[in-house]
N, C-alpha and C. Protein backbone atom coordinates (compact mmCIF):
# COMPACT_ATOMS: atom_id res chain seq x y z
N MET A 1 61.54 -28.30 -26.35
CA MET A 1 60.15 -28.89 -26.44
C MET A 1 59.25 -28.05 -26.16
N ARG A 2 58.05 -27.71 -26.83
CA ARG A 2 56.97 -26.64 -26.60
C ARG A 2 55.84 -27.94 -26.37
N ILE A 3 55.45 -27.72 -24.70
CA ILE A 3 54.51 -28.56 -24.30
C ILE A 3 53.42 -27.24 -24.25
N VAL A 4 52.35 -27.65 -24.30
CA VAL A 4 51.02 -26.42 -24.65
C VAL A 4 49.80 -27.76 -23.88
N ARG A 5 49.42 -27.16 -22.26
CA ARG A 5 48.35 -27.83 -22.10
C ARG A 5 46.80 -26.74 -21.90
N ILE A 6 45.60 -27.57 -21.99
CA ILE A 6 44.81 -26.39 -22.36
C ILE A 6 43.58 -26.87 -21.20
N PHE A 7 43.19 -26.12 -20.34
CA PHE A 7 42.14 -26.47 -18.98
C PHE A 7 40.76 -25.79 -19.13
N ASN A 8 39.64 -26.57 -19.34
CA ASN A 8 38.36 -26.11 -19.34
C ASN A 8 37.60 -25.65 -18.45
N ALA A 9 38.11 -24.92 -18.07
CA ALA A 9 37.41 -24.67 -15.87
C ALA A 9 35.67 -23.99 -15.96
N HIS A 10 35.73 -23.32 -17.21
CA HIS A 10 34.69 -22.53 -17.22
C HIS A 10 33.48 -23.53 -17.08
N PRO A 11 32.53 -23.32 -16.27
CA PRO A 11 30.94 -24.17 -16.34
C PRO A 11 30.19 -24.68 -17.21
N LYS A 12 30.05 -23.51 -17.72
CA LYS A 12 29.55 -23.81 -19.19
C LYS A 12 29.94 -23.81 -20.89
N HIS A 13 31.01 -22.99 -21.41
CA HIS A 13 31.82 -22.80 -22.30
C HIS A 13 32.74 -23.66 -22.34
N ARG A 14 33.30 -24.26 -23.73
CA ARG A 14 34.49 -25.09 -23.41
C ARG A 14 35.11 -24.85 -24.69
N ARG A 15 36.29 -24.22 -25.08
CA ARG A 15 37.34 -24.29 -25.99
C ARG A 15 37.85 -25.46 -26.71
N ARG A 16 38.44 -25.47 -27.86
CA ARG A 16 38.45 -26.77 -29.03
C ARG A 16 40.31 -26.43 -28.38
N HIS A 17 40.96 -27.46 -27.91
CA HIS A 17 42.30 -27.38 -27.67
C HIS A 17 43.16 -27.16 -29.01
N ASN A 18 42.85 -28.04 -29.73
CA ASN A 18 43.80 -27.93 -30.84
C ASN A 18 43.92 -26.47 -31.48
N GLU A 19 43.01 -26.00 -31.61
CA GLU A 19 43.31 -24.56 -31.72
C GLU A 19 44.13 -23.98 -31.21
N THR A 20 43.66 -23.48 -29.87
CA THR A 20 44.67 -22.57 -28.84
C THR A 20 45.91 -23.77 -28.67
N ILE A 21 46.16 -24.79 -28.78
CA ILE A 21 47.37 -25.27 -28.72
C ILE A 21 48.36 -24.67 -29.91
N HIS A 22 47.99 -24.69 -31.38
CA HIS A 22 48.42 -24.17 -32.58
C HIS A 22 48.90 -22.86 -32.32
N LEU A 23 47.67 -22.01 -31.63
CA LEU A 23 48.11 -20.51 -31.60
C LEU A 23 49.17 -20.19 -30.45
N VAL A 24 49.12 -20.97 -29.53
CA VAL A 24 50.57 -20.89 -28.12
C VAL A 24 51.57 -21.05 -28.76
N ARG A 25 51.85 -22.27 -29.60
CA ARG A 25 52.95 -22.56 -30.34
C ARG A 25 53.44 -21.40 -30.98
N SER A 26 52.62 -21.06 -32.49
CA SER A 26 52.68 -20.04 -32.91
C SER A 26 53.03 -18.72 -32.54
N VAL A 27 53.27 -18.62 -31.13
CA VAL A 27 53.50 -17.50 -30.52
C VAL A 27 55.36 -18.16 -30.22
N LEU A 28 55.07 -19.03 -29.72
CA LEU A 28 56.37 -19.56 -29.27
C LEU A 28 57.29 -19.64 -30.51
N GLN A 29 56.68 -20.20 -31.44
CA GLN A 29 57.88 -19.99 -32.42
C GLN A 29 58.25 -18.52 -33.01
N GLY A 30 57.45 -17.62 -33.41
CA GLY A 30 57.46 -16.93 -33.85
C GLY A 30 58.74 -15.66 -32.84
N GLU A 31 58.88 -16.01 -31.40
CA GLU A 31 59.50 -15.67 -30.32
C GLU A 31 60.36 -16.11 -30.36
N LYS A 32 60.80 -17.48 -30.96
CA LYS A 32 62.16 -17.82 -31.11
C LYS A 32 62.43 -18.60 -29.58
N HIS A 33 61.10 -19.17 -28.62
CA HIS A 33 61.43 -20.03 -27.74
C HIS A 33 60.88 -21.04 -27.88
N SER A 34 62.13 -22.13 -27.83
CA SER A 34 61.81 -23.61 -28.14
C SER A 34 61.45 -24.82 -26.75
N ASP A 35 61.62 -23.93 -25.29
CA ASP A 35 61.71 -24.77 -24.34
C ASP A 35 60.79 -24.08 -24.11
N ALA A 36 59.46 -24.44 -23.62
CA ALA A 36 58.26 -23.89 -22.80
C ALA A 36 57.34 -25.39 -22.47
N GLU A 37 56.84 -24.87 -21.29
CA GLU A 37 55.40 -25.65 -21.01
C GLU A 37 54.57 -24.25 -20.67
N ILE A 38 53.21 -24.63 -20.89
CA ILE A 38 52.55 -23.33 -20.44
C ILE A 38 50.95 -24.02 -20.61
N ASN A 39 50.47 -23.76 -19.99
CA ASN A 39 48.93 -24.23 -19.29
C ASN A 39 48.29 -22.92 -19.55
N VAL A 40 47.27 -23.25 -20.28
CA VAL A 40 46.41 -22.45 -20.58
C VAL A 40 44.86 -22.52 -20.23
N ILE A 41 44.16 -21.79 -18.90
CA ILE A 41 43.45 -22.45 -18.23
C ILE A 41 41.93 -21.04 -18.86
N PHE A 42 40.69 -21.66 -19.45
CA PHE A 42 39.53 -20.95 -19.71
C PHE A 42 38.76 -21.08 -18.43
N ASN A 43 38.55 -20.04 -17.87
CA ASN A 43 37.69 -19.57 -16.90
C ASN A 43 36.65 -18.79 -16.75
N ASP A 44 35.57 -18.36 -15.58
CA ASP A 44 34.79 -17.98 -15.60
C ASP A 44 34.97 -16.16 -14.79
N ASP A 45 34.02 -15.44 -14.46
CA ASP A 45 34.41 -14.05 -13.82
C ASP A 45 34.79 -14.98 -12.48
N ARG A 46 33.78 -15.29 -11.82
CA ARG A 46 34.23 -16.08 -10.53
C ARG A 46 35.44 -16.45 -10.33
N GLN A 47 36.37 -17.39 -10.72
CA GLN A 47 37.16 -17.94 -10.86
C GLN A 47 38.14 -16.89 -11.15
N MET A 48 37.75 -15.99 -11.87
CA MET A 48 39.01 -14.81 -11.91
C MET A 48 39.10 -14.18 -11.18
N MET A 49 38.02 -13.59 -10.47
CA MET A 49 37.85 -12.78 -9.14
C MET A 49 38.65 -13.73 -8.06
N LYS A 50 38.36 -14.77 -8.02
CA LYS A 50 39.36 -15.58 -6.79
C LYS A 50 41.15 -15.28 -6.75
N LEU A 51 41.37 -15.29 -8.24
CA LEU A 51 42.86 -15.31 -8.76
C LEU A 51 43.11 -13.93 -8.37
N ASN A 52 42.34 -13.23 -8.74
CA ASN A 52 42.71 -11.53 -8.71
C ASN A 52 42.66 -11.17 -7.11
N ALA A 53 41.91 -11.83 -6.22
CA ALA A 53 42.14 -11.31 -5.01
C ALA A 53 43.14 -12.03 -4.30
N THR A 54 43.40 -13.29 -4.66
CA THR A 54 44.28 -13.98 -3.66
C THR A 54 46.12 -13.44 -4.25
N PHE A 55 45.92 -13.45 -5.51
CA PHE A 55 47.08 -12.79 -6.26
C PHE A 55 47.63 -11.63 -6.38
N LEU A 56 46.62 -10.44 -6.66
CA LEU A 56 46.83 -9.48 -7.34
C LEU A 56 46.52 -7.90 -5.99
N GLU A 57 45.20 -8.88 -4.91
CA GLU A 57 44.70 -8.02 -4.20
C GLU A 57 43.61 -7.09 -4.93
N HIS A 58 42.74 -7.54 -5.99
CA HIS A 58 41.97 -6.71 -6.63
C HIS A 58 40.85 -7.44 -6.51
N ARG A 59 39.53 -6.79 -6.36
CA ARG A 59 38.40 -7.37 -6.06
C ARG A 59 37.40 -7.20 -7.35
N TYR A 60 37.66 -7.55 -8.55
CA TYR A 60 37.05 -7.76 -9.79
C TYR A 60 37.53 -8.55 -11.14
N PRO A 61 36.79 -9.01 -11.68
CA PRO A 61 37.49 -9.68 -12.61
C PRO A 61 38.32 -8.75 -13.93
N THR A 62 39.33 -9.83 -14.14
CA THR A 62 40.16 -9.20 -15.59
C THR A 62 39.99 -10.65 -16.98
N ASP A 63 40.28 -9.72 -17.64
CA ASP A 63 40.06 -10.80 -18.52
C ASP A 63 41.14 -11.98 -18.74
N VAL A 64 42.39 -11.68 -18.38
CA VAL A 64 43.66 -12.41 -18.90
C VAL A 64 44.98 -12.10 -17.17
N ILE A 65 45.10 -12.87 -17.10
CA ILE A 65 46.50 -13.40 -15.68
C ILE A 65 46.92 -14.32 -16.45
N SER A 66 48.52 -13.64 -15.80
CA SER A 66 49.49 -14.93 -16.40
C SER A 66 50.61 -15.40 -15.28
N PHE A 67 51.11 -16.06 -15.10
CA PHE A 67 51.69 -16.15 -13.82
C PHE A 67 53.16 -17.26 -14.36
N CYS A 68 54.10 -16.32 -14.38
CA CYS A 68 55.21 -16.93 -14.82
C CYS A 68 56.14 -18.26 -13.63
N LEU A 69 56.00 -18.96 -13.83
CA LEU A 69 56.53 -20.18 -13.22
C LEU A 69 58.45 -20.83 -13.00
N THR A 70 58.52 -19.78 -13.82
CA THR A 70 60.09 -20.10 -14.35
C THR A 70 61.13 -19.59 -13.08
N ASP A 71 62.14 -20.51 -12.89
CA ASP A 71 63.01 -20.10 -12.35
C ASP A 71 63.73 -19.06 -12.80
N SER A 72 64.67 -18.24 -12.33
CA SER A 72 65.64 -17.47 -13.19
C SER A 72 66.50 -17.89 -13.42
N ASN A 73 67.13 -18.79 -12.85
CA ASN A 73 68.25 -19.65 -13.35
C ASN A 73 67.81 -20.77 -14.81
N ALA A 74 66.82 -20.62 -14.98
CA ALA A 74 65.86 -21.57 -16.26
C ALA A 74 66.36 -21.14 -17.27
N SER A 75 66.39 -21.88 -18.32
CA SER A 75 66.61 -21.31 -19.73
C SER A 75 65.39 -21.50 -20.70
N GLY A 76 64.54 -22.27 -19.84
CA GLY A 76 62.98 -22.14 -20.99
C GLY A 76 61.90 -21.52 -20.17
N VAL A 77 60.51 -21.36 -20.51
CA VAL A 77 59.88 -20.83 -19.99
C VAL A 77 58.32 -21.82 -19.61
N THR A 78 57.95 -21.39 -18.49
CA THR A 78 57.09 -22.00 -17.80
C THR A 78 55.95 -21.34 -17.06
N GLY A 79 54.88 -21.60 -17.31
CA GLY A 79 53.66 -20.52 -16.71
C GLY A 79 52.38 -21.40 -17.23
N GLU A 80 51.72 -20.23 -16.99
CA GLU A 80 50.30 -20.38 -16.64
C GLU A 80 49.36 -19.28 -16.58
N VAL A 81 48.53 -19.34 -17.88
CA VAL A 81 47.69 -18.36 -18.97
C VAL A 81 46.13 -18.78 -18.46
N TYR A 82 45.51 -17.82 -17.82
CA TYR A 82 44.16 -17.95 -17.01
C TYR A 82 43.28 -16.79 -18.13
N VAL A 83 42.44 -17.64 -18.83
CA VAL A 83 41.74 -16.32 -19.86
C VAL A 83 40.26 -16.41 -19.28
N ASN A 84 39.33 -15.23 -18.71
CA ASN A 84 38.12 -15.39 -18.53
C ASN A 84 37.75 -15.18 -19.63
N ILE A 85 36.31 -16.13 -20.08
CA ILE A 85 35.28 -16.44 -21.55
C ILE A 85 34.62 -15.21 -21.03
N ASP A 86 33.84 -15.22 -20.20
CA ASP A 86 32.98 -14.17 -19.60
C ASP A 86 33.13 -12.42 -20.13
N GLN A 87 34.42 -12.46 -19.43
CA GLN A 87 34.90 -10.68 -19.90
C GLN A 87 35.23 -10.96 -21.09
N ALA A 88 35.79 -12.11 -21.69
CA ALA A 88 36.38 -12.20 -23.40
C ALA A 88 34.57 -11.63 -24.10
N LYS A 89 33.54 -12.39 -23.65
CA LYS A 89 32.60 -12.26 -24.38
C LYS A 89 31.71 -10.75 -24.36
N ARG A 90 32.20 -9.97 -23.46
CA ARG A 90 31.61 -8.60 -23.01
C ARG A 90 32.70 -7.43 -24.11
N GLN A 91 34.11 -7.84 -24.21
CA GLN A 91 34.78 -7.02 -24.36
C GLN A 91 34.54 -7.29 -25.91
N ALA A 92 34.60 -8.80 -26.79
CA ALA A 92 34.06 -8.83 -27.61
C ALA A 92 32.94 -8.11 -28.54
N ALA A 93 32.01 -8.04 -27.58
CA ALA A 93 30.95 -7.53 -28.26
C ALA A 93 31.22 -5.77 -28.21
N GLU A 94 31.63 -5.31 -27.26
CA GLU A 94 32.36 -3.67 -27.18
C GLU A 94 33.33 -3.72 -28.64
N TYR A 95 34.10 -4.19 -28.61
CA TYR A 95 35.43 -4.29 -29.76
C TYR A 95 34.75 -4.80 -31.33
N ASN A 96 33.37 -5.14 -31.21
CA ASN A 96 32.73 -5.39 -32.37
C ASN A 96 33.65 -6.56 -33.14
N VAL A 97 33.83 -7.52 -32.51
CA VAL A 97 34.95 -8.66 -32.85
C VAL A 97 34.37 -10.09 -32.62
N THR A 98 34.57 -11.17 -33.02
CA THR A 98 33.94 -12.23 -32.56
C THR A 98 34.66 -13.09 -31.29
N LEU A 99 34.02 -13.52 -30.75
CA LEU A 99 34.59 -14.18 -29.23
C LEU A 99 35.44 -15.29 -29.08
N SER A 100 35.75 -15.92 -30.47
CA SER A 100 37.21 -16.41 -30.96
C SER A 100 38.25 -15.75 -30.99
N ASN A 101 37.85 -14.89 -31.86
CA ASN A 101 39.10 -13.22 -32.12
C ASN A 101 39.31 -12.91 -30.47
N GLU A 102 38.56 -12.83 -29.34
CA GLU A 102 39.04 -12.02 -28.64
C GLU A 102 39.63 -12.80 -27.75
N LEU A 103 38.88 -14.11 -27.50
CA LEU A 103 39.76 -15.34 -26.96
C LEU A 103 41.13 -15.49 -27.20
N ALA A 104 41.49 -15.40 -28.45
CA ALA A 104 42.99 -15.97 -29.21
C ALA A 104 43.75 -14.56 -29.02
N ARG A 105 43.34 -13.12 -29.11
CA ARG A 105 44.22 -12.56 -28.48
C ARG A 105 44.27 -12.51 -26.94
N LEU A 106 43.51 -12.47 -26.22
CA LEU A 106 44.05 -12.94 -24.87
C LEU A 106 44.50 -13.67 -24.68
N THR A 107 44.75 -15.00 -25.18
CA THR A 107 45.68 -15.73 -24.83
C THR A 107 47.13 -15.54 -25.56
N ILE A 108 47.18 -14.15 -26.61
CA ILE A 108 48.59 -14.18 -27.17
C ILE A 108 49.01 -13.25 -25.97
N HIS A 109 48.19 -12.40 -25.87
CA HIS A 109 48.75 -11.53 -24.55
C HIS A 109 49.00 -12.02 -23.40
N GLY A 110 48.37 -13.35 -22.92
CA GLY A 110 48.99 -13.79 -21.63
C GLY A 110 50.36 -14.53 -21.78
N VAL A 111 50.54 -15.01 -23.28
CA VAL A 111 51.95 -16.01 -23.49
C VAL A 111 52.50 -14.67 -23.43
N LEU A 112 52.35 -13.52 -24.68
CA LEU A 112 53.72 -12.70 -24.14
C LEU A 112 53.88 -11.90 -22.97
N HIS A 113 53.03 -11.97 -22.14
CA HIS A 113 53.67 -11.58 -20.94
C HIS A 113 54.59 -12.98 -20.04
N LEU A 114 54.33 -13.97 -20.84
CA LEU A 114 55.10 -15.21 -19.45
C LEU A 114 56.53 -14.72 -20.26
N LEU A 115 56.50 -14.57 -21.80
CA LEU A 115 57.43 -14.39 -22.53
C LEU A 115 58.81 -13.02 -22.10
N GLY A 116 57.87 -12.09 -20.99
CA GLY A 116 58.51 -11.32 -20.69
C GLY A 116 58.22 -9.92 -20.95
N TYR A 117 57.07 -9.86 -21.95
CA TYR A 117 56.83 -8.54 -22.41
C TYR A 117 55.85 -7.60 -21.78
N ASP A 118 55.75 -6.62 -21.42
CA ASP A 118 55.29 -5.63 -20.36
C ASP A 118 54.55 -5.07 -20.80
N ASP A 119 53.14 -4.55 -20.01
CA ASP A 119 52.52 -3.52 -20.86
C ASP A 119 51.43 -2.41 -19.72
N GLY A 120 52.72 -2.17 -19.03
CA GLY A 120 53.12 -1.09 -18.39
C GLY A 120 53.19 0.29 -18.42
N SER A 121 53.58 0.63 -19.45
CA SER A 121 53.50 2.10 -20.37
C SER A 121 52.31 1.79 -21.44
N GLN A 122 52.37 3.45 -21.88
CA GLN A 122 51.63 3.35 -22.98
C GLN A 122 52.21 2.82 -24.44
N ARG A 123 53.81 2.90 -24.20
CA ARG A 123 54.84 2.81 -25.37
C ARG A 123 54.27 1.18 -25.44
N ASP A 124 55.02 0.30 -23.73
CA ASP A 124 54.56 -0.68 -23.90
C ASP A 124 53.50 -1.41 -24.64
N ARG A 125 52.50 -1.00 -24.02
CA ARG A 125 50.96 -1.17 -24.52
C ARG A 125 50.96 -1.25 -25.96
N ALA A 126 51.35 -0.25 -26.84
CA ALA A 126 51.60 -0.30 -28.35
C ALA A 126 52.31 -1.36 -28.88
N VAL A 127 53.84 -1.81 -28.54
CA VAL A 127 54.26 -2.75 -28.66
C VAL A 127 53.50 -4.26 -28.84
N MET A 128 52.89 -4.32 -27.27
CA MET A 128 52.11 -5.74 -27.03
C MET A 128 50.78 -5.88 -28.22
N LYS A 129 50.09 -4.90 -28.78
CA LYS A 129 48.91 -5.02 -29.20
C LYS A 129 49.49 -5.25 -30.71
N SER A 130 50.87 -4.74 -30.96
CA SER A 130 51.20 -4.50 -32.20
C SER A 130 51.55 -5.90 -32.76
N MET A 131 52.03 -6.95 -31.64
CA MET A 131 52.59 -8.46 -31.41
C MET A 131 51.46 -8.90 -31.51
N GLU A 132 50.37 -8.56 -30.88
CA GLU A 132 48.86 -9.39 -30.75
C GLU A 132 48.55 -9.21 -31.86
N ASN A 133 48.46 -8.21 -32.82
CA ASN A 133 47.54 -8.06 -33.93
C ASN A 133 48.54 -9.15 -35.23
N ARG A 134 49.71 -9.23 -35.16
CA ARG A 134 50.70 -9.61 -35.94
C ARG A 134 50.72 -11.44 -35.93
N TYR A 135 50.44 -11.67 -34.59
CA TYR A 135 50.25 -13.05 -34.23
C TYR A 135 48.35 -13.48 -34.56
N LEU A 136 47.73 -12.86 -34.48
CA LEU A 136 46.09 -12.90 -34.93
C LEU A 136 46.43 -13.15 -36.26
N LYS A 137 46.77 -12.08 -37.07
CA LYS A 137 46.85 -12.20 -38.61
C LYS A 137 47.36 -13.59 -39.35
N SER A 138 48.49 -14.08 -38.43
CA SER A 138 48.65 -15.21 -39.02
C SER A 138 48.21 -16.70 -38.39
N PHE A 139 47.66 -16.16 -37.74
CA PHE A 139 46.62 -17.52 -37.04
C PHE A 139 45.26 -17.52 -37.64
């Protein structure tokens, strides 16, 4: 079963739930994960800075953070993806894409992390970018 929940925690901006649910389920289906429970939380710089300080010891906002909550013995995937709308706006302007496109890319990126993909090396980043592009096209 693929359970996807969306939470709008940004003080001003709201994302449509159906669009994001469809996107996350498409990634899960494409990666052949039928058992997943994922929460996507859209937040702002202030909230993201708190998450970074608490869990990653960073003192700055980032665009997306994923927390895998799955027990190592579990067969499915459980996790949370936090997407910073404020940072996504800045990146959308920088990359000359729509905010919707950038939010979709960040959501995909976060879900891929939950599924075990990493972007620690240049090669891994290229693989993830290619996968993001593939899922964005199909979306």
